[in-house]
Amino acid sequence: MGPECAPTQGPDDPSAPPDEDFTSRFTTAISRISRRIRVTSFTMTYGALSALATIDRSGPLRPAELADIERVTRPSITRIVAALESRGHISRTDDPDDGRAFVVAITPSGRTALKQARTERAGDIACLMEGLTDRQLEALHQALPALERIARNASTGTERR
């Protein structure tokens, strides 16, 4: 854990960092799952899918705002926006606050593509979960609120102080 991370609580001592072996294993598991569904899923790149989901949730946005949320460079978001726009998944309009700038918003086609990608990725996860015991599935259900909090922190940047 880098110095920029906010302190977290360990199981016995609220001021202790989490067990290193746990965080290492957790990181490896999340990374492997993420790589697997990136490879086997939908034709849209992970970056484009993430940006499209952000536009759906938070848009309309200026590309610079989108880059900040997605934690990518401006040139990267320019390429992503161009790809999404060329597929008809987003539209661009003049920024009402600054005529020199523009904002992007999701289109009905983009919502359909986002729903399809989410469905496919959920199917990929369901396949990966096949063979888990009832106890293991219950453990995942119990862990889901914590995982959702981690995901929210990652998307808003609140995990770093």
N, C-alpha and C. Protein backbone atom coordinates (compact mmCIF):
# COMPACT_ATOMS: atom_id res chain seq x y z
N MET A 1 0.84 -1.17 0.00
CA MET A 1 0.00 0.00 0.00
C MET A 1 0.89 1.23 0.00
N GLY A 2 0.66 2.12 -0.94
CA GLY A 2 1.48 3.32 -1.05
C GLY A 2 1.11 4.34 0.00
N PRO A 3 1.98 5.32 0.21
CA PRO A 3 1.74 6.33 1.23
C PRO A 3 0.53 7.21 0.91
N GLU A 4 0.08 7.24 -0.36
CA GLU A 4 -1.05 8.08 -0.71
C GLU A 4 -2.39 7.44 -0.37
N CYS A 5 -2.40 6.18 0.04
CA CYS A 5 -3.64 5.51 0.40
C CYS A 5 -4.07 5.93 1.80
N ALA A 6 -5.36 6.05 1.95
CA ALA A 6 -5.91 6.34 3.27
C ALA A 6 -5.74 5.12 4.16
N PRO A 7 -5.48 5.30 5.45
CA PRO A 7 -5.35 4.15 6.33
C PRO A 7 -6.66 3.37 6.38
N THR A 8 -6.53 2.06 6.49
CA THR A 8 -7.70 1.21 6.60
C THR A 8 -7.62 0.41 7.88
N GLN A 9 -8.70 -0.24 8.20
CA GLN A 9 -8.77 -0.96 9.46
C GLN A 9 -8.45 -2.43 9.27
N GLY A 10 -7.66 -2.98 10.17
CA GLY A 10 -7.39 -4.40 10.21
C GLY A 10 -8.45 -5.08 11.06
N PRO A 11 -8.46 -6.42 11.13
CA PRO A 11 -9.52 -7.12 11.84
C PRO A 11 -9.51 -6.92 13.35
N ASP A 12 -8.34 -6.82 13.97
CA ASP A 12 -8.28 -6.72 15.42
C ASP A 12 -7.97 -5.32 15.92
N ASP A 13 -7.22 -4.59 15.17
CA ASP A 13 -6.80 -3.25 15.57
C ASP A 13 -7.32 -2.26 14.52
N PRO A 14 -8.24 -1.38 14.91
CA PRO A 14 -8.82 -0.46 13.93
C PRO A 14 -7.78 0.41 13.22
N SER A 15 -6.62 0.61 13.81
CA SER A 15 -5.61 1.45 13.17
C SER A 15 -4.61 0.63 12.36
N ALA A 16 -4.68 -0.70 12.42
CA ALA A 16 -3.72 -1.56 11.72
C ALA A 16 -4.11 -1.70 10.25
N PRO A 17 -3.11 -1.76 9.35
CA PRO A 17 -3.43 -1.99 7.94
C PRO A 17 -3.93 -3.41 7.74
N PRO A 18 -4.64 -3.67 6.64
CA PRO A 18 -5.10 -5.04 6.40
C PRO A 18 -3.92 -5.98 6.22
N ASP A 19 -4.15 -7.24 6.46
CA ASP A 19 -3.14 -8.28 6.32
C ASP A 19 -2.55 -8.26 4.91
N GLU A 20 -1.21 -8.19 4.79
CA GLU A 20 -0.57 -8.09 3.47
C GLU A 20 -0.87 -9.28 2.59
N ASP A 21 -0.89 -10.49 3.17
CA ASP A 21 -1.17 -11.67 2.37
C ASP A 21 -2.59 -11.58 1.80
N PHE A 22 -3.54 -11.13 2.61
CA PHE A 22 -4.91 -10.97 2.13
C PHE A 22 -4.98 -9.98 0.98
N THR A 23 -4.40 -8.79 1.17
CA THR A 23 -4.49 -7.77 0.12
C THR A 23 -3.78 -8.22 -1.16
N SER A 24 -2.69 -8.96 -1.02
CA SER A 24 -1.99 -9.47 -2.19
C SER A 24 -2.86 -10.50 -2.92
N ARG A 25 -3.44 -11.43 -2.19
CA ARG A 25 -4.30 -12.44 -2.80
C ARG A 25 -5.55 -11.81 -3.40
N PHE A 26 -6.11 -10.83 -2.71
CA PHE A 26 -7.30 -10.13 -3.19
C PHE A 26 -6.99 -9.42 -4.50
N THR A 27 -5.86 -8.72 -4.54
CA THR A 27 -5.44 -8.00 -5.74
C THR A 27 -5.26 -8.97 -6.91
N THR A 28 -4.60 -10.08 -6.66
CA THR A 28 -4.37 -11.07 -7.71
C THR A 28 -5.69 -11.61 -8.24
N ALA A 29 -6.61 -11.94 -7.34
CA ALA A 29 -7.90 -12.49 -7.76
C ALA A 29 -8.69 -11.48 -8.59
N ILE A 30 -8.77 -10.25 -8.11
CA ILE A 30 -9.52 -9.22 -8.84
C ILE A 30 -8.88 -8.98 -10.21
N SER A 31 -7.56 -8.93 -10.27
CA SER A 31 -6.86 -8.69 -11.54
C SER A 31 -7.12 -9.81 -12.53
N ARG A 32 -7.06 -11.05 -12.06
CA ARG A 32 -7.29 -12.19 -12.96
C ARG A 32 -8.72 -12.21 -13.48
N ILE A 33 -9.68 -11.94 -12.61
CA ILE A 33 -11.08 -11.90 -13.04
C ILE A 33 -11.27 -10.78 -14.05
N SER A 34 -10.72 -9.62 -13.76
CA SER A 34 -10.86 -8.47 -14.65
C SER A 34 -10.26 -8.77 -16.02
N ARG A 35 -9.06 -9.33 -16.04
CA ARG A 35 -8.42 -9.66 -17.32
C ARG A 35 -9.25 -10.67 -18.09
N ARG A 36 -9.78 -11.65 -17.39
CA ARG A 36 -10.56 -12.70 -18.06
C ARG A 36 -11.79 -12.12 -18.73
N ILE A 37 -12.53 -11.26 -18.04
CA ILE A 37 -13.74 -10.73 -18.66
C ILE A 37 -13.42 -9.67 -19.70
N ARG A 38 -12.27 -9.04 -19.61
CA ARG A 38 -11.88 -8.09 -20.66
C ARG A 38 -11.60 -8.82 -21.95
N VAL A 39 -11.00 -10.01 -21.85
CA VAL A 39 -10.62 -10.76 -23.04
C VAL A 39 -11.82 -11.43 -23.68
N THR A 40 -12.73 -11.96 -22.88
CA THR A 40 -13.80 -12.77 -23.44
C THR A 40 -15.07 -12.00 -23.71
N SER A 41 -15.14 -10.76 -23.31
CA SER A 41 -16.40 -10.02 -23.41
C SER A 41 -16.46 -9.13 -24.64
N PHE A 42 -17.57 -8.60 -24.83
CA PHE A 42 -18.00 -7.59 -25.77
C PHE A 42 -16.89 -6.98 -26.62
N THR A 43 -17.25 -6.50 -27.76
CA THR A 43 -16.28 -5.96 -28.72
C THR A 43 -15.75 -4.58 -28.34
N MET A 44 -16.36 -3.93 -27.37
CA MET A 44 -15.90 -2.60 -26.95
C MET A 44 -14.73 -2.75 -25.99
N THR A 45 -13.74 -1.89 -26.11
CA THR A 45 -12.60 -1.95 -25.19
C THR A 45 -13.05 -1.62 -23.78
N TYR A 46 -12.25 -2.05 -22.82
CA TYR A 46 -12.58 -1.78 -21.43
C TYR A 46 -12.64 -0.27 -21.19
N GLY A 47 -11.69 0.48 -21.74
CA GLY A 47 -11.67 1.93 -21.55
C GLY A 47 -12.90 2.60 -22.13
N ALA A 48 -13.33 2.16 -23.31
CA ALA A 48 -14.52 2.73 -23.93
C ALA A 48 -15.77 2.38 -23.12
N LEU A 49 -15.84 1.14 -22.67
CA LEU A 49 -16.99 0.72 -21.87
C LEU A 49 -17.07 1.49 -20.56
N SER A 50 -15.93 1.67 -19.91
CA SER A 50 -15.90 2.42 -18.66
C SER A 50 -16.31 3.87 -18.89
N ALA A 51 -15.79 4.47 -19.95
CA ALA A 51 -16.14 5.86 -20.26
C ALA A 51 -17.63 5.98 -20.59
N LEU A 52 -18.16 5.04 -21.35
CA LEU A 52 -19.57 5.06 -21.70
C LEU A 52 -20.44 4.95 -20.44
N ALA A 53 -20.05 4.08 -19.52
CA ALA A 53 -20.80 3.93 -18.26
C ALA A 53 -20.74 5.23 -17.45
N THR A 54 -19.59 5.88 -17.45
CA THR A 54 -19.45 7.15 -16.73
C THR A 54 -20.32 8.23 -17.36
N ILE A 55 -20.32 8.29 -18.68
CA ILE A 55 -21.17 9.27 -19.38
C ILE A 55 -22.63 8.99 -19.07
N ASP A 56 -23.01 7.73 -19.05
CA ASP A 56 -24.39 7.38 -18.73
C ASP A 56 -24.76 7.81 -17.32
N ARG A 57 -23.86 7.58 -16.39
CA ARG A 57 -24.11 7.88 -14.97
C ARG A 57 -23.99 9.36 -14.66
N SER A 58 -23.02 10.05 -15.27
CA SER A 58 -22.69 11.41 -14.84
C SER A 58 -22.83 12.47 -15.92
N GLY A 59 -23.13 12.07 -17.15
CA GLY A 59 -23.12 13.02 -18.26
C GLY A 59 -24.31 13.93 -18.29
N PRO A 60 -24.31 14.85 -19.24
CA PRO A 60 -23.27 15.17 -20.21
C PRO A 60 -22.02 15.75 -19.53
N LEU A 61 -20.88 15.42 -20.14
CA LEU A 61 -19.59 15.82 -19.59
C LEU A 61 -18.70 16.38 -20.68
N ARG A 62 -17.83 17.30 -20.28
CA ARG A 62 -16.75 17.71 -21.17
C ARG A 62 -15.74 16.57 -21.20
N PRO A 63 -15.05 16.40 -22.31
CA PRO A 63 -14.02 15.35 -22.36
C PRO A 63 -12.98 15.47 -21.24
N ALA A 64 -12.59 16.70 -20.88
CA ALA A 64 -11.61 16.86 -19.80
C ALA A 64 -12.15 16.34 -18.47
N GLU A 65 -13.44 16.57 -18.21
CA GLU A 65 -14.05 16.04 -16.99
C GLU A 65 -14.08 14.52 -17.03
N LEU A 66 -14.41 13.97 -18.19
CA LEU A 66 -14.43 12.53 -18.37
C LEU A 66 -13.05 11.93 -18.15
N ALA A 67 -12.02 12.57 -18.69
CA ALA A 67 -10.64 12.10 -18.50
C ALA A 67 -10.28 12.08 -17.01
N ASP A 68 -10.67 13.12 -16.29
CA ASP A 68 -10.38 13.17 -14.86
C ASP A 68 -11.08 12.05 -14.10
N ILE A 69 -12.35 11.83 -14.40
CA ILE A 69 -13.10 10.77 -13.73
C ILE A 69 -12.51 9.40 -14.06
N GLU A 70 -12.18 9.20 -15.31
CA GLU A 70 -11.65 7.91 -15.77
C GLU A 70 -10.17 7.72 -15.44
N ARG A 71 -9.53 8.80 -15.00
CA ARG A 71 -8.10 8.76 -14.68
C ARG A 71 -7.25 8.33 -15.87
N VAL A 72 -7.53 8.98 -16.99
CA VAL A 72 -6.74 8.76 -18.20
C VAL A 72 -6.28 10.10 -18.73
N THR A 73 -5.34 10.07 -19.64
CA THR A 73 -4.82 11.31 -20.22
C THR A 73 -5.83 11.91 -21.19
N ARG A 74 -5.65 13.18 -21.48
CA ARG A 74 -6.55 13.86 -22.43
C ARG A 74 -6.45 13.22 -23.82
N PRO A 75 -5.24 12.90 -24.31
CA PRO A 75 -5.19 12.23 -25.62
C PRO A 75 -5.93 10.89 -25.63
N SER A 76 -5.84 10.14 -24.52
CA SER A 76 -6.56 8.85 -24.46
C SER A 76 -8.06 9.06 -24.52
N ILE A 77 -8.56 10.04 -23.78
CA ILE A 77 -10.01 10.26 -23.78
C ILE A 77 -10.47 10.79 -25.13
N THR A 78 -9.62 11.55 -25.81
CA THR A 78 -9.96 12.02 -27.15
C THR A 78 -10.18 10.84 -28.08
N ARG A 79 -9.28 9.84 -28.02
CA ARG A 79 -9.44 8.64 -28.85
C ARG A 79 -10.70 7.86 -28.47
N ILE A 80 -10.95 7.73 -27.18
CA ILE A 80 -12.12 6.99 -26.72
C ILE A 80 -13.40 7.69 -27.16
N VAL A 81 -13.46 9.00 -26.97
CA VAL A 81 -14.64 9.77 -27.37
C VAL A 81 -14.86 9.64 -28.88
N ALA A 82 -13.80 9.73 -29.66
CA ALA A 82 -13.94 9.59 -31.12
C ALA A 82 -14.48 8.21 -31.49
N ALA A 83 -13.98 7.17 -30.84
CA ALA A 83 -14.45 5.81 -31.13
C ALA A 83 -15.92 5.64 -30.74
N LEU A 84 -16.29 6.14 -29.58
CA LEU A 84 -17.68 6.04 -29.14
C LEU A 84 -18.61 6.83 -30.05
N GLU A 85 -18.15 8.01 -30.45
CA GLU A 85 -18.97 8.85 -31.34
C GLU A 85 -19.11 8.20 -32.72
N SER A 86 -18.04 7.60 -33.23
CA SER A 86 -18.11 6.98 -34.56
C SER A 86 -19.07 5.78 -34.57
N ARG A 87 -19.25 5.15 -33.44
CA ARG A 87 -20.19 4.03 -33.32
C ARG A 87 -21.62 4.50 -33.03
N GLY A 88 -21.77 5.80 -32.80
CA GLY A 88 -23.09 6.33 -32.50
C GLY A 88 -23.52 6.15 -31.05
N HIS A 89 -22.56 5.81 -30.18
CA HIS A 89 -22.88 5.56 -28.77
C HIS A 89 -22.96 6.83 -27.94
N ILE A 90 -22.35 7.91 -28.43
CA ILE A 90 -22.43 9.20 -27.75
C ILE A 90 -22.66 10.28 -28.79
N SER A 91 -23.18 11.39 -28.33
CA SER A 91 -23.33 12.56 -29.20
C SER A 91 -22.59 13.72 -28.56
N ARG A 92 -22.21 14.65 -29.39
CA ARG A 92 -21.48 15.82 -28.91
C ARG A 92 -22.33 17.05 -29.20
N THR A 93 -22.40 17.94 -28.22
CA THR A 93 -23.12 19.20 -28.39
C THR A 93 -22.28 20.32 -27.80
N ASP A 94 -22.58 21.53 -28.21
CA ASP A 94 -21.85 22.68 -27.65
C ASP A 94 -22.09 22.75 -26.15
N ASP A 95 -21.05 23.11 -25.44
CA ASP A 95 -21.15 23.30 -23.99
C ASP A 95 -21.97 24.56 -23.75
N PRO A 96 -23.06 24.47 -23.01
CA PRO A 96 -23.89 25.66 -22.79
C PRO A 96 -23.17 26.76 -22.00
N ASP A 97 -22.12 26.38 -21.26
CA ASP A 97 -21.38 27.36 -20.47
C ASP A 97 -20.17 27.94 -21.19
N ASP A 98 -19.75 27.30 -22.28
CA ASP A 98 -18.55 27.74 -22.99
C ASP A 98 -18.69 27.32 -24.45
N GLY A 99 -18.99 28.26 -25.30
CA GLY A 99 -19.21 27.98 -26.72
C GLY A 99 -18.02 27.39 -27.44
N ARG A 100 -16.83 27.52 -26.87
CA ARG A 100 -15.62 26.96 -27.50
C ARG A 100 -15.47 25.48 -27.20
N ALA A 101 -16.18 24.98 -26.20
CA ALA A 101 -16.05 23.60 -25.75
C ALA A 101 -17.30 22.80 -26.14
N PHE A 102 -17.22 21.49 -25.92
CA PHE A 102 -18.38 20.64 -26.16
C PHE A 102 -18.54 19.65 -25.03
N VAL A 103 -19.72 19.07 -24.94
CA VAL A 103 -20.00 18.02 -23.97
C VAL A 103 -20.46 16.79 -24.74
N VAL A 104 -20.29 15.63 -24.11
CA VAL A 104 -20.73 14.38 -24.71
C VAL A 104 -21.82 13.78 -23.83
N ALA A 105 -22.78 13.14 -24.49
CA ALA A 105 -23.90 12.49 -23.80
C ALA A 105 -24.15 11.14 -24.46
N ILE A 106 -24.66 10.22 -23.70
CA ILE A 106 -24.95 8.89 -24.23
C ILE A 106 -26.18 8.96 -25.13
N THR A 107 -26.19 8.13 -26.14
CA THR A 107 -27.32 8.03 -27.07
C THR A 107 -28.11 6.75 -26.74
N PRO A 108 -29.30 6.60 -27.34
CA PRO A 108 -30.01 5.33 -27.15
C PRO A 108 -29.18 4.12 -27.60
N SER A 109 -28.44 4.27 -28.69
CA SER A 109 -27.55 3.20 -29.15
C SER A 109 -26.49 2.89 -28.09
N GLY A 110 -25.97 3.93 -27.46
CA GLY A 110 -24.98 3.75 -26.40
C GLY A 110 -25.55 3.01 -25.21
N ARG A 111 -26.79 3.35 -24.83
CA ARG A 111 -27.43 2.65 -23.71
C ARG A 111 -27.63 1.18 -24.04
N THR A 112 -28.02 0.90 -25.27
CA THR A 112 -28.20 -0.49 -25.70
C THR A 112 -26.87 -1.24 -25.65
N ALA A 113 -25.81 -0.62 -26.16
CA ALA A 113 -24.49 -1.25 -26.15
C ALA A 113 -24.00 -1.47 -24.72
N LEU A 114 -24.23 -0.50 -23.85
CA LEU A 114 -23.83 -0.62 -22.45
C LEU A 114 -24.57 -1.76 -21.78
N LYS A 115 -25.87 -1.85 -22.02
CA LYS A 115 -26.66 -2.94 -21.43
C LYS A 115 -26.18 -4.29 -21.95
N GLN A 116 -25.90 -4.37 -23.24
CA GLN A 116 -25.41 -5.63 -23.82
C GLN A 116 -24.07 -6.03 -23.22
N ALA A 117 -23.17 -5.08 -23.09
CA ALA A 117 -21.85 -5.37 -22.52
C ALA A 117 -21.98 -5.82 -21.07
N ARG A 118 -22.82 -5.16 -20.31
CA ARG A 118 -23.02 -5.55 -18.90
C ARG A 118 -23.60 -6.95 -18.80
N THR A 119 -24.56 -7.26 -19.68
CA THR A 119 -25.16 -8.59 -19.69
C THR A 119 -24.13 -9.65 -20.03
N GLU A 120 -23.31 -9.37 -21.04
CA GLU A 120 -22.27 -10.34 -21.42
C GLU A 120 -21.26 -10.53 -20.30
N ARG A 121 -20.83 -9.45 -19.68
CA ARG A 121 -19.85 -9.56 -18.60
C ARG A 121 -20.44 -10.26 -17.38
N ALA A 122 -21.72 -10.02 -17.11
CA ALA A 122 -22.37 -10.74 -16.01
C ALA A 122 -22.42 -12.23 -16.33
N GLY A 123 -22.67 -12.56 -17.59
CA GLY A 123 -22.64 -13.97 -17.99
C GLY A 123 -21.26 -14.58 -17.83
N ASP A 124 -20.24 -13.80 -18.16
CA ASP A 124 -18.87 -14.29 -17.97
C ASP A 124 -18.59 -14.58 -16.50
N ILE A 125 -19.02 -13.67 -15.63
CA ILE A 125 -18.82 -13.87 -14.20
C ILE A 125 -19.61 -15.09 -13.72
N ALA A 126 -20.84 -15.24 -14.21
CA ALA A 126 -21.65 -16.39 -13.81
C ALA A 126 -20.94 -17.69 -14.20
N CYS A 127 -20.33 -17.72 -15.37
CA CYS A 127 -19.58 -18.91 -15.79
C CYS A 127 -18.39 -19.16 -14.86
N LEU A 128 -17.70 -18.09 -14.50
CA LEU A 128 -16.55 -18.25 -13.61
C LEU A 128 -16.97 -18.73 -12.22
N MET A 129 -18.21 -18.44 -11.83
CA MET A 129 -18.70 -18.82 -10.51
C MET A 129 -19.25 -20.24 -10.48
N GLU A 130 -19.42 -20.85 -11.64
CA GLU A 130 -19.93 -22.22 -11.68
C GLU A 130 -19.02 -23.12 -10.86
N GLY A 131 -19.62 -24.00 -10.11
CA GLY A 131 -18.85 -24.93 -9.30
C GLY A 131 -18.56 -24.44 -7.89
N LEU A 132 -18.88 -23.18 -7.60
CA LEU A 132 -18.70 -22.71 -6.23
C LEU A 132 -19.74 -23.38 -5.34
N THR A 133 -19.36 -23.63 -4.12
CA THR A 133 -20.29 -24.23 -3.17
C THR A 133 -21.30 -23.19 -2.70
N ASP A 134 -22.36 -23.66 -2.08
CA ASP A 134 -23.35 -22.73 -1.51
C ASP A 134 -22.69 -21.81 -0.49
N ARG A 135 -21.79 -22.35 0.28
CA ARG A 135 -21.09 -21.54 1.30
C ARG A 135 -20.23 -20.45 0.63
N GLN A 136 -19.54 -20.80 -0.44
CA GLN A 136 -18.73 -19.81 -1.16
C GLN A 136 -19.60 -18.74 -1.80
N LEU A 137 -20.73 -19.14 -2.36
CA LEU A 137 -21.65 -18.16 -2.95
C LEU A 137 -22.21 -17.23 -1.87
N GLU A 138 -22.53 -17.78 -0.72
CA GLU A 138 -23.02 -16.94 0.39
C GLU A 138 -21.93 -15.96 0.84
N ALA A 139 -20.69 -16.40 0.87
CA ALA A 139 -19.58 -15.52 1.24
C ALA A 139 -19.47 -14.36 0.25
N LEU A 140 -19.67 -14.65 -1.04
CA LEU A 140 -19.64 -13.58 -2.04
C LEU A 140 -20.80 -12.62 -1.84
N HIS A 141 -21.97 -13.15 -1.53
CA HIS A 141 -23.12 -12.28 -1.25
C HIS A 141 -22.83 -11.38 -0.06
N GLN A 142 -22.22 -11.94 0.97
CA GLN A 142 -21.90 -11.16 2.17
C GLN A 142 -20.84 -10.09 1.87
N ALA A 143 -19.92 -10.40 0.96
CA ALA A 143 -18.83 -9.47 0.64
C ALA A 143 -19.26 -8.39 -0.34
N LEU A 144 -20.39 -8.57 -1.01
CA LEU A 144 -20.79 -7.65 -2.07
C LEU A 144 -20.88 -6.19 -1.62
N PRO A 145 -21.47 -5.85 -0.47
CA PRO A 145 -21.49 -4.43 -0.08
C PRO A 145 -20.09 -3.83 0.07
N ALA A 146 -19.17 -4.59 0.62
CA ALA A 146 -17.79 -4.09 0.75
C ALA A 146 -17.15 -3.91 -0.62
N LEU A 147 -17.37 -4.85 -1.52
CA LEU A 147 -16.81 -4.74 -2.87
C LEU A 147 -17.41 -3.55 -3.61
N GLU A 148 -18.72 -3.33 -3.43
CA GLU A 148 -19.35 -2.17 -4.07
C GLU A 148 -18.78 -0.87 -3.52
N ARG A 149 -18.48 -0.84 -2.24
CA ARG A 149 -17.87 0.36 -1.66
C ARG A 149 -16.48 0.60 -2.25
N ILE A 150 -15.70 -0.46 -2.37
CA ILE A 150 -14.37 -0.34 -2.98
C ILE A 150 -14.51 0.19 -4.41
N ALA A 151 -15.47 -0.34 -5.15
CA ALA A 151 -15.68 0.10 -6.54
C ALA A 151 -16.09 1.56 -6.59
N ARG A 152 -16.98 1.98 -5.70
CA ARG A 152 -17.38 3.40 -5.65
C ARG A 152 -16.18 4.28 -5.33
N ASN A 153 -15.37 3.87 -4.36
CA ASN A 153 -14.19 4.64 -4.00
C ASN A 153 -13.24 4.74 -5.20
N ALA A 154 -13.08 3.65 -5.92
CA ALA A 154 -12.17 3.65 -7.07
C ALA A 154 -12.69 4.59 -8.16
N SER A 155 -14.00 4.65 -8.34
CA SER A 155 -14.52 5.49 -9.42
C SER A 155 -14.60 6.95 -9.05
N THR A 156 -14.61 7.25 -7.76
CA THR A 156 -14.68 8.65 -7.35
C THR A 156 -13.35 9.19 -6.86
N GLY A 157 -12.38 8.29 -6.68
CA GLY A 157 -11.07 8.73 -6.20
C GLY A 157 -11.00 8.94 -4.71
N THR A 158 -12.02 8.53 -3.96
CA THR A 158 -12.01 8.79 -2.53
C THR A 158 -11.13 7.83 -1.75
N GLU A 159 -10.59 6.81 -2.43
CA GLU A 159 -9.72 5.90 -1.69
C GLU A 159 -8.34 6.51 -1.45
N ARG A 160 -8.03 7.60 -2.11
CA ARG A 160 -6.74 8.27 -1.93
C ARG A 160 -6.95 9.62 -1.28
N ARG A 161 -6.08 9.96 -0.40
CA ARG A 161 -6.21 11.25 0.28
C ARG A 161 -5.00 12.11 -0.02
